[in-house]
Each structure stands twice: as structure tokens, then as C-alpha cells.
Amino acid sequence: MTEEMKISPATATPAEDYPSLNHLRVMILLWDRAQLLFELQARIDAKDRSWKGGPYERYVLVIHTDEFSLDRETVARFLQGATFQTHILTDVFLGLSFGTDPIFRLHLLPRA
């Protein structure tokens, strides 16, 4: 998800802050709730208008992230109370690459 994000010193931290990553020379994006919700809605919007074929009973979108700082607890906290708008999608899932129970079903509302 970070390829489209602009990383500023306020939202990124050197890998030295994570001892297990000291051998790497990388920056880690520290997501906040607003960033994550914005990016999820942007991906929903992009896919919500690009469906071909149908009509189908269900339209499902799976979003995958491999972000180091988005662990299950953080994502669960950020998604609490969040809703996303859609025209056609019936189900949207966010999947994490690691951890236990790494799949979240997003709460959707029909776009007016």
C-alpha cells in the first residue's frame, strides 16, 4: 500500500527503531487510522467502478497488505466503527500477510 503514499519524517521511522530489522536499511511507514481508512476507501472506489460482466449476485474485493506496522491488533483498532461506501461491491476483505486471524471484513454502506 505504501507505493502511493508520500512518506514524511513524521510518518516514517528508521529501521533502527526495530532491533530485529537492524540489518536492513529501510524506512517503515507508521500508519495512523486516517491514512488507513483513506487508502482503503480509495481502493474500494477504484475497484467499485471497474467491474465488467454480470449482473452477479455478489461482488467481492480482497485487499492485501504486507505492511510491517499493520498488525492484527492495530488494524482491528483502526477499523473499529469504520464504514466504507460502495456502489456495487457487496463484500470487501482486508488480508494481512502474517499473524493469526489475519482477515478483516469491512463494513460497507451503499453510496447514495
N, C-alpha and C. Protein backbone atom coordinates (compact mmCIF):
# COMPACT_ATOMS: atom_id res chain seq x y z
N MET A 1 0.81 -1.19 0.00
CA MET A 1 0.00 0.00 0.00
C MET A 1 0.86 1.26 0.00
N THR A 2 2.10 1.18 0.37
CA THR A 2 2.89 2.39 0.51
C THR A 2 3.37 2.97 -0.79
N GLU A 3 3.28 2.24 -1.90
CA GLU A 3 3.83 2.77 -3.13
C GLU A 3 3.18 4.07 -3.55
N GLU A 4 1.95 4.33 -3.13
CA GLU A 4 1.27 5.56 -3.49
C GLU A 4 1.34 6.61 -2.39
N MET A 5 1.84 6.24 -1.24
CA MET A 5 1.89 7.15 -0.10
C MET A 5 3.17 7.97 -0.16
N LYS A 6 3.06 9.21 0.21
CA LYS A 6 4.25 10.03 0.38
C LYS A 6 4.70 9.87 1.84
N ILE A 7 5.92 9.46 2.04
CA ILE A 7 6.41 9.22 3.39
C ILE A 7 7.14 10.47 3.86
N SER A 8 6.68 11.01 4.96
CA SER A 8 7.33 12.17 5.54
C SER A 8 8.02 11.74 6.84
N PRO A 9 8.94 12.55 7.33
CA PRO A 9 9.61 12.19 8.59
C PRO A 9 8.63 11.97 9.73
N ALA A 10 7.49 12.61 9.67
CA ALA A 10 6.52 12.45 10.76
C ALA A 10 5.83 11.10 10.72
N THR A 11 5.77 10.45 9.55
CA THR A 11 5.04 9.19 9.44
C THR A 11 5.96 7.99 9.22
N ALA A 12 7.24 8.21 9.15
CA ALA A 12 8.16 7.10 8.92
C ALA A 12 9.18 7.05 10.03
N THR A 13 9.71 5.88 10.27
CA THR A 13 10.71 5.72 11.32
C THR A 13 11.84 4.86 10.78
N PRO A 14 13.06 5.14 11.16
CA PRO A 14 14.17 4.31 10.70
C PRO A 14 14.05 2.88 11.23
N ALA A 15 14.56 1.94 10.48
CA ALA A 15 14.51 0.54 10.91
C ALA A 15 15.27 0.33 12.22
N GLU A 16 16.22 1.23 12.55
CA GLU A 16 16.97 1.06 13.80
C GLU A 16 16.04 1.05 15.02
N ASP A 17 14.83 1.62 14.88
CA ASP A 17 13.89 1.61 15.99
C ASP A 17 13.29 0.23 16.21
N TYR A 18 13.56 -0.69 15.29
CA TYR A 18 13.08 -2.07 15.39
C TYR A 18 14.31 -2.97 15.38
N PRO A 19 14.78 -3.41 16.56
CA PRO A 19 16.04 -4.17 16.65
C PRO A 19 16.10 -5.38 15.72
N SER A 20 14.99 -6.06 15.48
CA SER A 20 15.04 -7.25 14.61
C SER A 20 15.30 -6.88 13.16
N LEU A 21 15.20 -5.60 12.81
CA LEU A 21 15.41 -5.16 11.44
C LEU A 21 16.71 -4.38 11.26
N ASN A 22 17.59 -4.41 12.26
CA ASN A 22 18.80 -3.60 12.20
C ASN A 22 19.68 -3.90 11.00
N HIS A 23 19.61 -5.10 10.45
CA HIS A 23 20.44 -5.44 9.30
C HIS A 23 19.89 -4.84 8.00
N LEU A 24 18.70 -4.28 8.04
CA LEU A 24 18.09 -3.69 6.85
C LEU A 24 18.22 -2.17 6.87
N ARG A 25 18.31 -1.59 5.72
CA ARG A 25 18.30 -0.13 5.60
C ARG A 25 17.00 0.25 4.90
N VAL A 26 15.96 0.34 5.71
CA VAL A 26 14.63 0.64 5.18
C VAL A 26 13.94 1.67 6.06
N MET A 27 12.89 2.25 5.53
CA MET A 27 12.02 3.10 6.32
C MET A 27 10.70 2.36 6.46
N ILE A 28 10.09 2.46 7.60
CA ILE A 28 8.83 1.79 7.87
C ILE A 28 7.76 2.85 8.05
N LEU A 29 6.70 2.74 7.28
CA LEU A 29 5.59 3.67 7.41
C LEU A 29 4.79 3.31 8.64
N LEU A 30 4.63 4.25 9.54
CA LEU A 30 3.80 4.05 10.71
C LEU A 30 2.42 4.61 10.39
N TRP A 31 1.51 3.73 10.06
CA TRP A 31 0.17 4.13 9.66
C TRP A 31 -0.60 4.71 10.82
N ASP A 32 -1.43 5.69 10.52
CA ASP A 32 -2.42 6.12 11.50
C ASP A 32 -3.79 5.75 10.95
N ARG A 33 -4.81 5.88 11.77
CA ARG A 33 -6.15 5.45 11.40
C ARG A 33 -6.65 6.17 10.15
N ALA A 34 -6.48 7.48 10.12
CA ALA A 34 -6.97 8.27 8.99
C ALA A 34 -6.33 7.83 7.68
N GLN A 35 -5.02 7.57 7.69
CA GLN A 35 -4.33 7.13 6.48
C GLN A 35 -4.88 5.80 5.98
N LEU A 36 -5.03 4.85 6.91
CA LEU A 36 -5.50 3.53 6.51
C LEU A 36 -6.91 3.60 5.95
N LEU A 37 -7.81 4.30 6.63
CA LEU A 37 -9.19 4.39 6.15
C LEU A 37 -9.27 5.09 4.80
N PHE A 38 -8.48 6.14 4.63
CA PHE A 38 -8.45 6.86 3.35
C PHE A 38 -7.98 5.94 2.22
N GLU A 39 -6.90 5.21 2.45
CA GLU A 39 -6.35 4.33 1.42
C GLU A 39 -7.29 3.17 1.10
N LEU A 40 -7.95 2.63 2.12
CA LEU A 40 -8.92 1.56 1.86
C LEU A 40 -10.08 2.08 1.02
N GLN A 41 -10.62 3.25 1.37
CA GLN A 41 -11.72 3.81 0.59
C GLN A 41 -11.28 4.11 -0.84
N ALA A 42 -10.05 4.58 -1.02
CA ALA A 42 -9.54 4.87 -2.36
C ALA A 42 -9.48 3.59 -3.21
N ARG A 43 -9.07 2.49 -2.61
CA ARG A 43 -9.01 1.23 -3.36
C ARG A 43 -10.40 0.70 -3.65
N ILE A 44 -11.30 0.86 -2.71
CA ILE A 44 -12.70 0.48 -2.94
C ILE A 44 -13.26 1.29 -4.10
N ASP A 45 -13.04 2.60 -4.07
CA ASP A 45 -13.54 3.47 -5.14
C ASP A 45 -12.99 3.05 -6.50
N ALA A 46 -11.71 2.73 -6.56
CA ALA A 46 -11.09 2.36 -7.83
C ALA A 46 -11.68 1.07 -8.39
N LYS A 47 -11.95 0.12 -7.54
CA LYS A 47 -12.49 -1.16 -7.99
C LYS A 47 -14.00 -1.12 -8.16
N ASP A 48 -14.65 -0.26 -7.46
CA ASP A 48 -16.11 -0.18 -7.47
C ASP A 48 -16.64 0.24 -8.84
N ARG A 49 -15.82 0.90 -9.64
CA ARG A 49 -16.29 1.39 -10.94
C ARG A 49 -15.70 0.61 -12.10
N SER A 50 -14.92 -0.45 -11.84
CA SER A 50 -14.24 -1.13 -12.93
C SER A 50 -14.76 -2.54 -13.19
N TRP A 51 -15.93 -2.89 -12.70
CA TRP A 51 -16.45 -4.24 -12.91
C TRP A 51 -17.01 -4.39 -14.31
N LYS A 52 -16.77 -5.54 -14.89
CA LYS A 52 -17.30 -5.86 -16.21
C LYS A 52 -18.08 -7.15 -16.10
N GLY A 53 -19.05 -7.31 -16.98
CA GLY A 53 -19.85 -8.53 -16.96
C GLY A 53 -20.97 -8.42 -15.95
N GLY A 54 -21.60 -9.53 -15.72
CA GLY A 54 -22.67 -9.56 -14.74
C GLY A 54 -24.01 -9.37 -15.41
N PRO A 55 -25.05 -9.19 -14.67
CA PRO A 55 -25.01 -8.95 -13.22
C PRO A 55 -24.69 -10.22 -12.43
N TYR A 56 -24.07 -10.01 -11.29
CA TYR A 56 -23.72 -11.09 -10.38
C TYR A 56 -24.43 -10.88 -9.05
N GLU A 57 -24.61 -11.97 -8.32
CA GLU A 57 -25.25 -11.88 -7.01
C GLU A 57 -24.36 -11.14 -6.01
N ARG A 58 -23.05 -11.38 -6.08
CA ARG A 58 -22.11 -10.76 -5.15
C ARG A 58 -20.90 -10.22 -5.92
N TYR A 59 -20.37 -9.11 -5.42
CA TYR A 59 -19.14 -8.51 -5.96
C TYR A 59 -18.18 -8.40 -4.78
N VAL A 60 -17.09 -9.15 -4.84
CA VAL A 60 -16.17 -9.27 -3.71
C VAL A 60 -14.82 -8.67 -4.08
N LEU A 61 -14.27 -7.88 -3.17
CA LEU A 61 -12.94 -7.30 -3.33
C LEU A 61 -12.08 -7.75 -2.15
N VAL A 62 -10.89 -8.27 -2.44
CA VAL A 62 -9.93 -8.64 -1.41
C VAL A 62 -8.73 -7.71 -1.56
N ILE A 63 -8.42 -7.00 -0.49
CA ILE A 63 -7.27 -6.09 -0.45
C ILE A 63 -6.22 -6.75 0.43
N HIS A 64 -5.02 -6.88 -0.08
CA HIS A 64 -3.94 -7.50 0.69
C HIS A 64 -2.90 -6.44 1.04
N THR A 65 -2.37 -6.53 2.25
CA THR A 65 -1.27 -5.65 2.64
C THR A 65 -0.19 -6.46 3.34
N ASP A 66 1.03 -6.03 3.11
CA ASP A 66 2.20 -6.66 3.71
C ASP A 66 2.93 -5.65 4.60
N GLU A 67 2.20 -4.64 5.05
CA GLU A 67 2.80 -3.57 5.84
C GLU A 67 3.22 -4.06 7.22
N PHE A 68 4.47 -3.80 7.56
CA PHE A 68 5.04 -4.27 8.82
C PHE A 68 4.29 -3.73 10.05
N SER A 69 3.89 -2.47 9.99
CA SER A 69 3.28 -1.85 11.18
C SER A 69 1.78 -2.10 11.29
N LEU A 70 1.20 -2.78 10.31
CA LEU A 70 -0.24 -3.07 10.38
C LEU A 70 -0.45 -4.50 10.88
N ASP A 71 -0.30 -4.67 12.18
CA ASP A 71 -0.55 -5.97 12.79
C ASP A 71 -2.03 -6.11 13.09
N ARG A 72 -2.45 -7.27 13.50
CA ARG A 72 -3.86 -7.54 13.72
C ARG A 72 -4.49 -6.60 14.73
N GLU A 73 -3.83 -6.37 15.83
CA GLU A 73 -4.39 -5.51 16.87
C GLU A 73 -4.56 -4.07 16.39
N THR A 74 -3.56 -3.57 15.68
CA THR A 74 -3.62 -2.20 15.17
C THR A 74 -4.74 -2.06 14.15
N VAL A 75 -4.82 -2.99 13.21
CA VAL A 75 -5.87 -2.93 12.19
C VAL A 75 -7.25 -3.05 12.82
N ALA A 76 -7.42 -3.95 13.76
CA ALA A 76 -8.71 -4.10 14.45
C ALA A 76 -9.11 -2.80 15.13
N ARG A 77 -8.15 -2.15 15.76
CA ARG A 77 -8.43 -0.87 16.44
C ARG A 77 -8.79 0.21 15.41
N PHE A 78 -8.06 0.29 14.32
CA PHE A 78 -8.31 1.30 13.30
C PHE A 78 -9.66 1.09 12.60
N LEU A 79 -10.06 -0.16 12.41
CA LEU A 79 -11.31 -0.45 11.70
C LEU A 79 -12.54 -0.37 12.59
N GLN A 80 -12.34 -0.31 13.90
CA GLN A 80 -13.48 -0.26 14.81
C GLN A 80 -14.34 0.97 14.51
N GLY A 81 -15.61 0.73 14.19
CA GLY A 81 -16.55 1.81 13.90
C GLY A 81 -16.43 2.40 12.50
N ALA A 82 -15.49 1.90 11.70
CA ALA A 82 -15.29 2.44 10.35
C ALA A 82 -16.30 1.85 9.37
N THR A 83 -16.77 2.69 8.47
CA THR A 83 -17.64 2.23 7.38
C THR A 83 -17.07 2.75 6.07
N PHE A 84 -17.36 2.01 5.00
CA PHE A 84 -16.87 2.36 3.69
C PHE A 84 -18.04 2.38 2.73
N GLN A 85 -18.00 3.29 1.78
CA GLN A 85 -19.10 3.44 0.83
C GLN A 85 -18.78 2.75 -0.48
N THR A 86 -19.82 2.17 -1.08
CA THR A 86 -19.66 1.45 -2.34
C THR A 86 -20.95 1.51 -3.15
N HIS A 87 -20.79 1.44 -4.46
CA HIS A 87 -21.95 1.37 -5.35
C HIS A 87 -22.36 -0.08 -5.59
N ILE A 88 -21.39 -0.90 -5.95
CA ILE A 88 -21.72 -2.24 -6.42
C ILE A 88 -21.11 -3.36 -5.57
N LEU A 89 -19.99 -3.11 -4.91
CA LEU A 89 -19.34 -4.15 -4.12
C LEU A 89 -20.24 -4.59 -2.97
N THR A 90 -20.32 -5.91 -2.78
CA THR A 90 -21.14 -6.44 -1.69
C THR A 90 -20.30 -6.88 -0.50
N ASP A 91 -19.02 -7.21 -0.76
CA ASP A 91 -18.13 -7.68 0.30
C ASP A 91 -16.72 -7.18 0.02
N VAL A 92 -16.07 -6.65 1.06
CA VAL A 92 -14.68 -6.23 0.94
C VAL A 92 -13.93 -6.79 2.14
N PHE A 93 -12.79 -7.42 1.86
CA PHE A 93 -11.96 -8.02 2.89
C PHE A 93 -10.56 -7.41 2.84
N LEU A 94 -9.96 -7.23 4.01
CA LEU A 94 -8.57 -6.80 4.12
C LEU A 94 -7.80 -7.97 4.70
N GLY A 95 -6.76 -8.40 4.00
CA GLY A 95 -5.94 -9.52 4.46
C GLY A 95 -4.54 -9.07 4.80
N LEU A 96 -4.04 -9.55 5.93
CA LEU A 96 -2.67 -9.29 6.35
C LEU A 96 -1.81 -10.49 6.02
N SER A 97 -0.52 -10.27 5.82
CA SER A 97 0.38 -11.36 5.45
C SER A 97 0.80 -12.24 6.61
N PHE A 98 0.65 -11.76 7.81
CA PHE A 98 1.19 -12.51 8.94
C PHE A 98 0.25 -12.38 10.14
N GLY A 99 0.51 -13.20 11.14
CA GLY A 99 -0.29 -13.17 12.36
C GLY A 99 -1.43 -14.17 12.31
N THR A 100 -2.11 -14.27 13.42
CA THR A 100 -3.26 -15.17 13.50
C THR A 100 -4.52 -14.40 13.15
N ASP A 101 -5.44 -15.08 12.53
CA ASP A 101 -6.72 -14.49 12.12
C ASP A 101 -6.50 -13.19 11.35
N PRO A 102 -5.78 -13.26 10.21
CA PRO A 102 -5.35 -12.05 9.52
C PRO A 102 -6.33 -11.48 8.49
N ILE A 103 -7.62 -11.83 8.58
CA ILE A 103 -8.58 -11.35 7.59
C ILE A 103 -9.67 -10.53 8.28
N PHE A 104 -9.96 -9.37 7.70
CA PHE A 104 -10.99 -8.48 8.22
C PHE A 104 -12.06 -8.26 7.16
N ARG A 105 -13.30 -8.33 7.54
CA ARG A 105 -14.40 -7.99 6.64
C ARG A 105 -14.77 -6.54 6.94
N LEU A 106 -14.76 -5.70 5.92
CA LEU A 106 -15.04 -4.28 6.12
C LEU A 106 -16.54 -4.04 6.11
N HIS A 107 -16.96 -3.07 6.91
CA HIS A 107 -18.38 -2.71 6.98
C HIS A 107 -18.68 -1.74 5.84
N LEU A 108 -19.65 -2.13 4.98
CA LEU A 108 -19.97 -1.34 3.79
C LEU A 108 -21.35 -0.70 3.90
N LEU A 109 -21.47 0.48 3.35
CA LEU A 109 -22.75 1.17 3.21
C LEU A 109 -22.95 1.53 1.75
N PRO A 110 -24.19 1.42 1.26
CA PRO A 110 -24.42 1.82 -0.14
C PRO A 110 -24.21 3.31 -0.32
N ARG A 111 -23.53 3.67 -1.40
CA ARG A 111 -23.29 5.07 -1.71
C ARG A 111 -24.58 5.65 -2.29
N ALA A 112 -24.93 6.83 -1.84
CA ALA A 112 -26.16 7.47 -2.29
C ALA A 112 -26.02 7.99 -3.71
